[in-house]
């Protein structure tokens, strides 16, 4: 069985969270975390996370702490998603450089800031559902 590791960032920017808004023409948009696959040349999970954050939203982050791991078994590949919490130090969309930006099939792929509270998180179509549930439950502890 092959195992693929992904890193995902729940980013705090003052009293807001930063997510990606994803959507395609005619489809319902949803929100997800910044992140992607760990590459062979990444030194470790945190290095992969920092690379993905820079590629996808042009941001640098402070220390990252893993808080949730989800495993999705598949017939040929098991995907392990590592979710990290980190503060945004700075962000400049002009620094985005990921390969997904050149993919014409990517659809809407933009960063958004949302308030850090359970009611706002409940209103989002945040994926995966396990992360959405975790954040709704713990949002009050993350603000400050």
N, C-alpha and C. Protein backbone atom coordinates (compact mmCIF):
# COMPACT_ATOMS: atom_id res chain seq x y z
N UNK A 1 0.85 -1.18 0.00
CA UNK A 1 0.00 0.00 0.00
C UNK A 1 0.89 1.24 0.00
N UNK A 2 0.64 2.14 -0.91
CA UNK A 2 1.37 3.39 -0.99
C UNK A 2 0.73 4.41 -0.04
N UNK A 3 1.56 5.22 0.62
CA UNK A 3 1.08 6.27 1.53
C UNK A 3 1.57 7.61 1.00
N UNK A 4 0.64 8.56 0.87
CA UNK A 4 0.98 9.92 0.45
C UNK A 4 0.69 10.86 1.61
N UNK A 5 1.64 11.71 1.95
CA UNK A 5 1.47 12.68 3.03
C UNK A 5 1.17 14.06 2.46
N UNK A 6 0.15 14.70 3.00
CA UNK A 6 -0.20 16.08 2.66
C UNK A 6 -0.07 16.92 3.91
N UNK A 7 0.30 18.18 3.73
CA UNK A 7 0.35 19.14 4.83
C UNK A 7 -0.70 20.21 4.55
N UNK A 8 -1.39 20.63 5.60
CA UNK A 8 -2.46 21.63 5.49
C UNK A 8 -2.25 22.67 6.58
N UNK A 9 -2.48 23.94 6.26
CA UNK A 9 -2.24 25.03 7.20
C UNK A 9 -3.53 25.73 7.58
N UNK A 10 -3.83 25.75 8.86
CA UNK A 10 -4.87 26.62 9.39
C UNK A 10 -4.13 27.86 9.86
N UNK A 11 -4.32 28.94 9.12
CA UNK A 11 -3.53 30.15 9.31
C UNK A 11 -4.29 31.20 10.08
N UNK A 12 -3.66 31.75 11.11
CA UNK A 12 -4.24 32.83 11.89
C UNK A 12 -3.60 34.14 11.47
N UNK A 13 -4.44 35.11 11.16
CA UNK A 13 -4.01 36.44 10.77
C UNK A 13 -4.77 37.41 11.66
N UNK A 14 -4.17 37.79 12.78
CA UNK A 14 -4.83 38.57 13.83
C UNK A 14 -6.03 37.78 14.34
N UNK A 15 -7.24 38.33 14.23
CA UNK A 15 -8.43 37.64 14.72
C UNK A 15 -9.21 36.97 13.58
N UNK A 16 -8.50 36.63 12.52
CA UNK A 16 -9.12 35.97 11.37
C UNK A 16 -8.36 34.69 11.02
N UNK A 17 -9.04 33.81 10.32
CA UNK A 17 -8.41 32.63 9.73
C UNK A 17 -8.29 32.87 8.23
N UNK A 18 -7.26 32.31 7.62
CA UNK A 18 -7.06 32.43 6.18
C UNK A 18 -7.29 31.05 5.57
N UNK A 19 -8.23 31.00 4.62
CA UNK A 19 -8.54 29.77 3.89
C UNK A 19 -8.41 30.03 2.39
N UNK A 20 -8.54 28.96 1.62
CA UNK A 20 -8.66 29.08 0.17
C UNK A 20 -10.12 28.89 -0.21
N UNK A 21 -10.59 29.76 -1.08
CA UNK A 21 -11.93 29.59 -1.67
C UNK A 21 -11.72 28.88 -2.99
N UNK A 22 -12.39 27.75 -3.14
CA UNK A 22 -12.27 26.94 -4.36
C UNK A 22 -13.63 26.84 -5.02
N UNK A 23 -13.63 26.85 -6.32
CA UNK A 23 -14.89 26.71 -7.03
C UNK A 23 -14.66 26.68 -8.53
N UNK A 24 -15.65 26.19 -9.24
CA UNK A 24 -15.61 26.09 -10.69
C UNK A 24 -16.90 26.66 -11.24
N UNK A 25 -16.86 27.10 -12.46
CA UNK A 25 -18.04 27.66 -13.12
C UNK A 25 -19.20 26.67 -13.03
N UNK A 26 -20.33 27.14 -12.51
CA UNK A 26 -21.51 26.30 -12.39
C UNK A 26 -21.53 25.43 -11.16
N UNK A 27 -20.46 25.42 -10.39
CA UNK A 27 -20.40 24.59 -9.18
C UNK A 27 -20.55 25.43 -7.92
N UNK A 28 -20.73 24.75 -6.82
CA UNK A 28 -20.84 25.43 -5.53
C UNK A 28 -19.45 25.61 -4.94
N UNK A 29 -19.08 26.85 -4.60
CA UNK A 29 -17.75 27.05 -4.01
C UNK A 29 -17.66 26.43 -2.62
N UNK A 30 -16.45 26.10 -2.23
CA UNK A 30 -16.19 25.60 -0.90
C UNK A 30 -14.88 26.20 -0.40
N UNK A 31 -14.59 26.01 0.86
CA UNK A 31 -13.39 26.55 1.48
C UNK A 31 -12.54 25.40 1.99
N UNK A 32 -11.23 25.59 1.90
CA UNK A 32 -10.30 24.57 2.37
C UNK A 32 -9.04 25.26 2.88
N UNK A 33 -8.15 24.48 3.41
CA UNK A 33 -6.90 25.03 3.93
C UNK A 33 -5.86 25.11 2.83
N UNK A 34 -4.89 25.96 3.04
CA UNK A 34 -3.72 26.04 2.18
C UNK A 34 -2.89 24.78 2.42
N UNK A 35 -2.34 24.23 1.36
CA UNK A 35 -1.47 23.07 1.55
C UNK A 35 -1.45 22.16 0.35
N UNK A 36 -0.75 21.06 0.50
CA UNK A 36 -0.63 20.09 -0.59
C UNK A 36 0.31 18.97 -0.22
N UNK A 37 0.79 18.30 -1.23
CA UNK A 37 1.60 17.12 -1.04
C UNK A 37 3.02 17.42 -0.61
N UNK A 38 3.57 16.50 0.18
CA UNK A 38 4.97 16.56 0.59
C UNK A 38 5.80 16.03 -0.57
N UNK A 39 6.77 16.84 -1.00
CA UNK A 39 7.63 16.48 -2.13
C UNK A 39 8.90 15.79 -1.62
N UNK A 40 9.53 14.97 -2.46
CA UNK A 40 10.74 14.26 -2.03
C UNK A 40 11.87 15.19 -1.56
N UNK A 41 11.93 16.42 -2.10
CA UNK A 41 13.02 17.31 -1.69
C UNK A 41 12.67 18.19 -0.49
N UNK A 42 11.47 18.03 0.09
CA UNK A 42 11.13 18.74 1.32
C UNK A 42 11.87 18.08 2.48
N UNK A 43 12.53 18.90 3.31
CA UNK A 43 13.31 18.36 4.43
C UNK A 43 12.44 17.64 5.45
N UNK A 44 11.22 18.16 5.68
CA UNK A 44 10.31 17.55 6.63
C UNK A 44 8.91 18.12 6.39
N UNK A 45 7.96 17.74 7.23
CA UNK A 45 6.58 18.20 7.03
C UNK A 45 6.47 19.72 7.13
N UNK A 46 7.17 20.32 8.08
CA UNK A 46 7.07 21.77 8.24
C UNK A 46 7.68 22.50 7.04
N UNK A 47 8.75 21.99 6.49
CA UNK A 47 9.33 22.60 5.29
C UNK A 47 8.35 22.53 4.12
N UNK A 48 7.66 21.40 4.00
CA UNK A 48 6.64 21.27 2.95
C UNK A 48 5.51 22.26 3.18
N UNK A 49 5.11 22.42 4.42
CA UNK A 49 4.05 23.36 4.76
C UNK A 49 4.45 24.79 4.37
N UNK A 50 5.64 25.20 4.73
CA UNK A 50 6.11 26.55 4.41
C UNK A 50 6.17 26.77 2.90
N UNK A 51 6.62 25.76 2.17
CA UNK A 51 6.67 25.86 0.71
C UNK A 51 5.28 26.03 0.14
N UNK A 52 4.33 25.21 0.59
CA UNK A 52 2.96 25.28 0.08
C UNK A 52 2.30 26.62 0.38
N UNK A 53 2.52 27.14 1.60
CA UNK A 53 1.93 28.43 1.97
C UNK A 53 2.47 29.54 1.06
N UNK A 54 3.76 29.52 0.80
CA UNK A 54 4.34 30.54 -0.08
C UNK A 54 3.81 30.37 -1.51
N UNK A 55 3.79 29.14 -2.01
CA UNK A 55 3.31 28.91 -3.37
C UNK A 55 1.87 29.35 -3.56
N UNK A 56 1.00 28.98 -2.63
CA UNK A 56 -0.43 29.17 -2.84
C UNK A 56 -0.95 30.54 -2.48
N UNK A 57 -0.37 31.18 -1.44
CA UNK A 57 -0.90 32.51 -1.08
C UNK A 57 0.19 33.55 -0.89
N UNK A 58 1.45 33.22 -1.14
CA UNK A 58 2.53 34.18 -1.03
C UNK A 58 2.79 34.65 0.39
N UNK A 59 2.64 33.75 1.36
CA UNK A 59 2.78 34.13 2.76
C UNK A 59 3.95 33.42 3.42
N UNK A 60 4.51 34.10 4.43
CA UNK A 60 5.44 33.46 5.34
C UNK A 60 4.71 33.30 6.67
N UNK A 61 5.11 32.26 7.40
CA UNK A 61 4.42 31.93 8.65
C UNK A 61 5.41 31.79 9.79
N UNK A 62 4.88 31.92 11.00
CA UNK A 62 5.67 31.70 12.21
C UNK A 62 5.75 30.21 12.51
N UNK A 63 6.10 29.86 13.75
CA UNK A 63 6.18 28.45 14.12
C UNK A 63 4.87 27.71 13.84
N UNK A 64 4.99 26.50 13.38
CA UNK A 64 3.82 25.69 13.04
C UNK A 64 3.70 24.53 14.02
N UNK A 65 2.46 24.28 14.45
CA UNK A 65 2.19 23.20 15.40
C UNK A 65 1.13 22.28 14.81
N UNK A 66 1.47 21.00 14.71
CA UNK A 66 0.49 20.03 14.20
C UNK A 66 -0.56 19.79 15.28
N UNK A 67 -1.84 19.84 14.87
CA UNK A 67 -2.92 19.67 15.84
C UNK A 67 -3.92 18.60 15.45
N UNK A 68 -3.88 18.12 14.21
CA UNK A 68 -4.85 17.13 13.75
C UNK A 68 -4.24 16.33 12.61
N UNK A 69 -4.48 15.03 12.62
CA UNK A 69 -4.04 14.16 11.54
C UNK A 69 -5.24 13.32 11.10
N UNK A 70 -5.52 13.35 9.80
CA UNK A 70 -6.61 12.56 9.24
C UNK A 70 -6.04 11.56 8.24
N UNK A 71 -6.48 10.33 8.30
CA UNK A 71 -6.03 9.29 7.38
C UNK A 71 -7.20 8.84 6.53
N UNK A 72 -6.97 8.87 5.21
CA UNK A 72 -7.99 8.46 4.25
C UNK A 72 -7.49 7.22 3.51
N UNK A 73 -7.90 6.03 3.97
CA UNK A 73 -7.46 4.81 3.29
C UNK A 73 -8.08 4.71 1.90
N UNK A 74 -7.28 4.29 0.95
CA UNK A 74 -7.77 4.08 -0.40
C UNK A 74 -7.40 2.70 -0.88
N UNK A 75 -7.90 2.33 -2.02
CA UNK A 75 -7.59 0.99 -2.55
C UNK A 75 -6.12 0.85 -2.90
N UNK A 76 -5.55 1.93 -3.48
CA UNK A 76 -4.14 1.87 -3.89
C UNK A 76 -3.25 2.85 -3.13
N UNK A 77 -3.85 3.94 -2.63
CA UNK A 77 -3.07 4.96 -1.93
C UNK A 77 -3.81 5.39 -0.68
N UNK A 78 -3.12 5.43 0.43
CA UNK A 78 -3.65 5.99 1.66
C UNK A 78 -3.08 7.39 1.79
N UNK A 79 -3.96 8.37 2.01
CA UNK A 79 -3.55 9.76 2.16
C UNK A 79 -3.60 10.13 3.64
N UNK A 80 -2.48 10.64 4.15
CA UNK A 80 -2.40 11.11 5.52
C UNK A 80 -2.28 12.63 5.46
N UNK A 81 -3.27 13.31 6.02
CA UNK A 81 -3.28 14.76 6.03
C UNK A 81 -2.85 15.26 7.41
N UNK A 82 -1.81 16.08 7.42
CA UNK A 82 -1.27 16.66 8.64
C UNK A 82 -1.70 18.12 8.70
N UNK A 83 -2.51 18.50 9.68
CA UNK A 83 -3.01 19.86 9.82
C UNK A 83 -2.18 20.60 10.87
N UNK A 84 -1.68 21.77 10.48
CA UNK A 84 -0.86 22.61 11.33
C UNK A 84 -1.54 23.95 11.56
N UNK A 85 -1.30 24.50 12.72
CA UNK A 85 -1.74 25.86 13.05
C UNK A 85 -0.50 26.75 13.02
N UNK A 86 -0.62 27.93 12.37
CA UNK A 86 0.50 28.88 12.32
C UNK A 86 -0.03 30.28 12.12
N UNK A 87 0.73 31.25 12.60
CA UNK A 87 0.41 32.67 12.39
C UNK A 87 0.99 33.14 11.07
N UNK A 88 0.24 33.98 10.37
CA UNK A 88 0.74 34.62 9.16
C UNK A 88 1.63 35.77 9.61
N UNK A 89 2.86 35.79 9.10
CA UNK A 89 3.77 36.89 9.41
C UNK A 89 3.62 38.01 8.37
N UNK A 90 3.54 37.62 7.11
CA UNK A 90 3.27 38.57 6.04
C UNK A 90 2.71 37.81 4.84
N UNK A 91 1.97 38.53 4.00
CA UNK A 91 1.36 37.88 2.84
C UNK A 91 1.33 38.87 1.68
N UNK A 92 1.76 38.41 0.51
CA UNK A 92 1.76 39.22 -0.70
C UNK A 92 1.37 38.31 -1.85
N UNK A 93 0.18 38.50 -2.39
CA UNK A 93 -0.33 37.64 -3.46
C UNK A 93 0.60 37.61 -4.68
N UNK A 94 1.42 38.63 -4.86
CA UNK A 94 2.34 38.67 -6.01
C UNK A 94 3.43 37.61 -5.90
N UNK A 95 3.63 37.06 -4.70
CA UNK A 95 4.66 36.03 -4.50
C UNK A 95 4.14 34.62 -4.79
N UNK A 96 2.84 34.49 -5.10
CA UNK A 96 2.30 33.16 -5.39
C UNK A 96 3.05 32.56 -6.57
N UNK A 97 3.32 31.24 -6.49
CA UNK A 97 4.11 30.63 -7.56
C UNK A 97 3.82 29.16 -7.79
N UNK A 98 2.81 28.62 -7.18
CA UNK A 98 2.55 27.19 -7.27
C UNK A 98 2.14 26.74 -8.66
N UNK A 99 2.40 25.46 -8.97
CA UNK A 99 2.05 24.93 -10.29
C UNK A 99 0.55 24.98 -10.55
N UNK A 100 -0.26 24.97 -9.49
CA UNK A 100 -1.71 25.02 -9.68
C UNK A 100 -2.17 26.34 -10.29
N UNK A 101 -1.36 27.39 -10.16
CA UNK A 101 -1.73 28.69 -10.72
C UNK A 101 -1.72 28.69 -12.24
N UNK A 102 -0.94 27.77 -12.83
CA UNK A 102 -0.85 27.67 -14.29
C UNK A 102 -1.82 26.66 -14.88
N UNK A 103 -2.60 26.00 -14.03
CA UNK A 103 -3.54 24.98 -14.49
C UNK A 103 -4.88 25.62 -14.84
N UNK A 104 -5.27 25.58 -16.13
CA UNK A 104 -6.52 26.23 -16.54
C UNK A 104 -7.77 25.58 -15.93
N UNK A 105 -7.64 24.37 -15.42
CA UNK A 105 -8.78 23.67 -14.84
C UNK A 105 -8.91 23.90 -13.34
N UNK A 106 -8.08 24.77 -12.77
CA UNK A 106 -8.06 24.93 -11.32
C UNK A 106 -9.30 25.64 -10.79
N UNK A 107 -9.92 26.47 -11.60
CA UNK A 107 -11.09 27.21 -11.13
C UNK A 107 -10.69 28.34 -10.20
N UNK A 108 -11.62 28.78 -9.38
CA UNK A 108 -11.36 29.85 -8.42
C UNK A 108 -10.46 29.31 -7.31
N UNK A 109 -9.37 30.00 -7.08
CA UNK A 109 -8.34 29.54 -6.15
C UNK A 109 -7.78 30.78 -5.46
N UNK A 110 -8.58 31.34 -4.54
CA UNK A 110 -8.18 32.61 -3.94
C UNK A 110 -8.22 32.53 -2.41
N UNK A 111 -7.32 33.30 -1.79
CA UNK A 111 -7.30 33.32 -0.33
C UNK A 111 -8.38 34.26 0.19
N UNK A 112 -8.95 33.88 1.33
CA UNK A 112 -9.97 34.70 1.99
C UNK A 112 -9.69 34.69 3.49
N UNK A 113 -10.04 35.81 4.13
CA UNK A 113 -9.94 35.92 5.58
C UNK A 113 -11.34 35.84 6.15
N UNK A 114 -11.52 35.01 7.18
CA UNK A 114 -12.83 34.88 7.83
C UNK A 114 -12.65 35.06 9.33
N UNK A 115 -13.68 35.58 9.96
CA UNK A 115 -13.61 35.79 11.40
C UNK A 115 -13.41 34.47 12.14
N UNK A 116 -12.67 34.58 13.19
CA UNK A 116 -12.37 33.40 14.03
C UNK A 116 -13.46 33.24 15.08
N UNK A 117 -14.59 32.68 14.66
CA UNK A 117 -15.65 32.35 15.61
C UNK A 117 -16.48 31.21 15.05
N UNK A 118 -17.11 30.48 15.95
CA UNK A 118 -17.83 29.26 15.58
C UNK A 118 -18.97 29.53 14.61
N UNK A 119 -19.70 30.64 14.77
CA UNK A 119 -20.84 30.89 13.88
C UNK A 119 -20.38 31.17 12.45
N UNK A 120 -19.27 31.89 12.29
CA UNK A 120 -18.74 32.12 10.94
C UNK A 120 -18.27 30.81 10.34
N UNK A 121 -17.59 29.99 11.12
CA UNK A 121 -17.11 28.71 10.62
C UNK A 121 -18.27 27.78 10.24
N UNK A 122 -19.36 27.86 10.98
CA UNK A 122 -20.53 27.03 10.68
C UNK A 122 -21.14 27.42 9.33
N UNK A 123 -21.09 28.72 9.00
CA UNK A 123 -21.69 29.20 7.75
C UNK A 123 -20.85 28.84 6.52
N UNK A 124 -19.58 28.52 6.70
CA UNK A 124 -18.72 28.17 5.57
C UNK A 124 -18.95 26.73 5.13
N UNK A 125 -18.70 26.48 3.88
CA UNK A 125 -18.66 25.10 3.38
C UNK A 125 -17.18 24.69 3.44
N UNK A 126 -16.71 24.43 4.67
CA UNK A 126 -15.30 24.14 4.91
C UNK A 126 -15.05 22.65 4.78
N UNK A 127 -14.03 22.30 3.99
CA UNK A 127 -13.66 20.91 3.77
C UNK A 127 -12.26 20.66 4.32
N UNK A 128 -12.00 19.50 4.83
CA UNK A 128 -12.89 18.38 5.06
C UNK A 128 -13.78 18.62 6.29
N UNK A 129 -14.90 17.91 6.37
CA UNK A 129 -15.84 18.11 7.47
C UNK A 129 -15.23 17.88 8.86
N UNK A 130 -14.28 16.95 8.95
CA UNK A 130 -13.65 16.68 10.24
C UNK A 130 -12.89 17.91 10.75
N UNK A 131 -12.25 18.63 9.83
CA UNK A 131 -11.55 19.85 10.20
C UNK A 131 -12.55 20.93 10.61
N UNK A 132 -13.62 21.07 9.83
CA UNK A 132 -14.64 22.07 10.15
C UNK A 132 -15.19 21.85 11.55
N UNK A 133 -15.48 20.61 11.89
CA UNK A 133 -16.00 20.28 13.21
C UNK A 133 -14.99 20.62 14.30
N UNK A 134 -13.75 20.25 14.08
CA UNK A 134 -12.69 20.54 15.05
C UNK A 134 -12.57 22.04 15.28
N UNK A 135 -12.56 22.82 14.21
CA UNK A 135 -12.39 24.27 14.35
C UNK A 135 -13.58 24.93 15.02
N UNK A 136 -14.79 24.47 14.71
CA UNK A 136 -15.96 25.05 15.39
C UNK A 136 -15.87 24.82 16.89
N UNK A 137 -15.41 23.65 17.27
CA UNK A 137 -15.31 23.31 18.68
C UNK A 137 -14.19 24.07 19.39
N UNK A 138 -13.10 24.37 18.70
CA UNK A 138 -11.93 24.97 19.35
C UNK A 138 -11.70 26.44 19.01
N UNK A 139 -12.53 27.05 18.17
CA UNK A 139 -12.30 28.42 17.73
C UNK A 139 -12.18 29.40 18.88
N UNK A 140 -13.00 29.21 19.91
CA UNK A 140 -12.98 30.16 21.04
C UNK A 140 -11.62 30.14 21.75
N UNK A 141 -10.93 29.01 21.72
CA UNK A 141 -9.63 28.91 22.39
C UNK A 141 -8.48 29.47 21.55
N UNK A 142 -8.72 29.71 20.25
CA UNK A 142 -7.65 30.15 19.37
C UNK A 142 -7.58 31.66 19.25
N UNK A 143 -8.63 32.38 19.65
CA UNK A 143 -8.62 33.82 19.45
C UNK A 143 -7.78 34.53 20.47
N UNK A 144 -6.81 35.09 20.36
CA UNK A 144 -5.98 35.85 21.30
C UNK A 144 -4.62 35.32 21.07
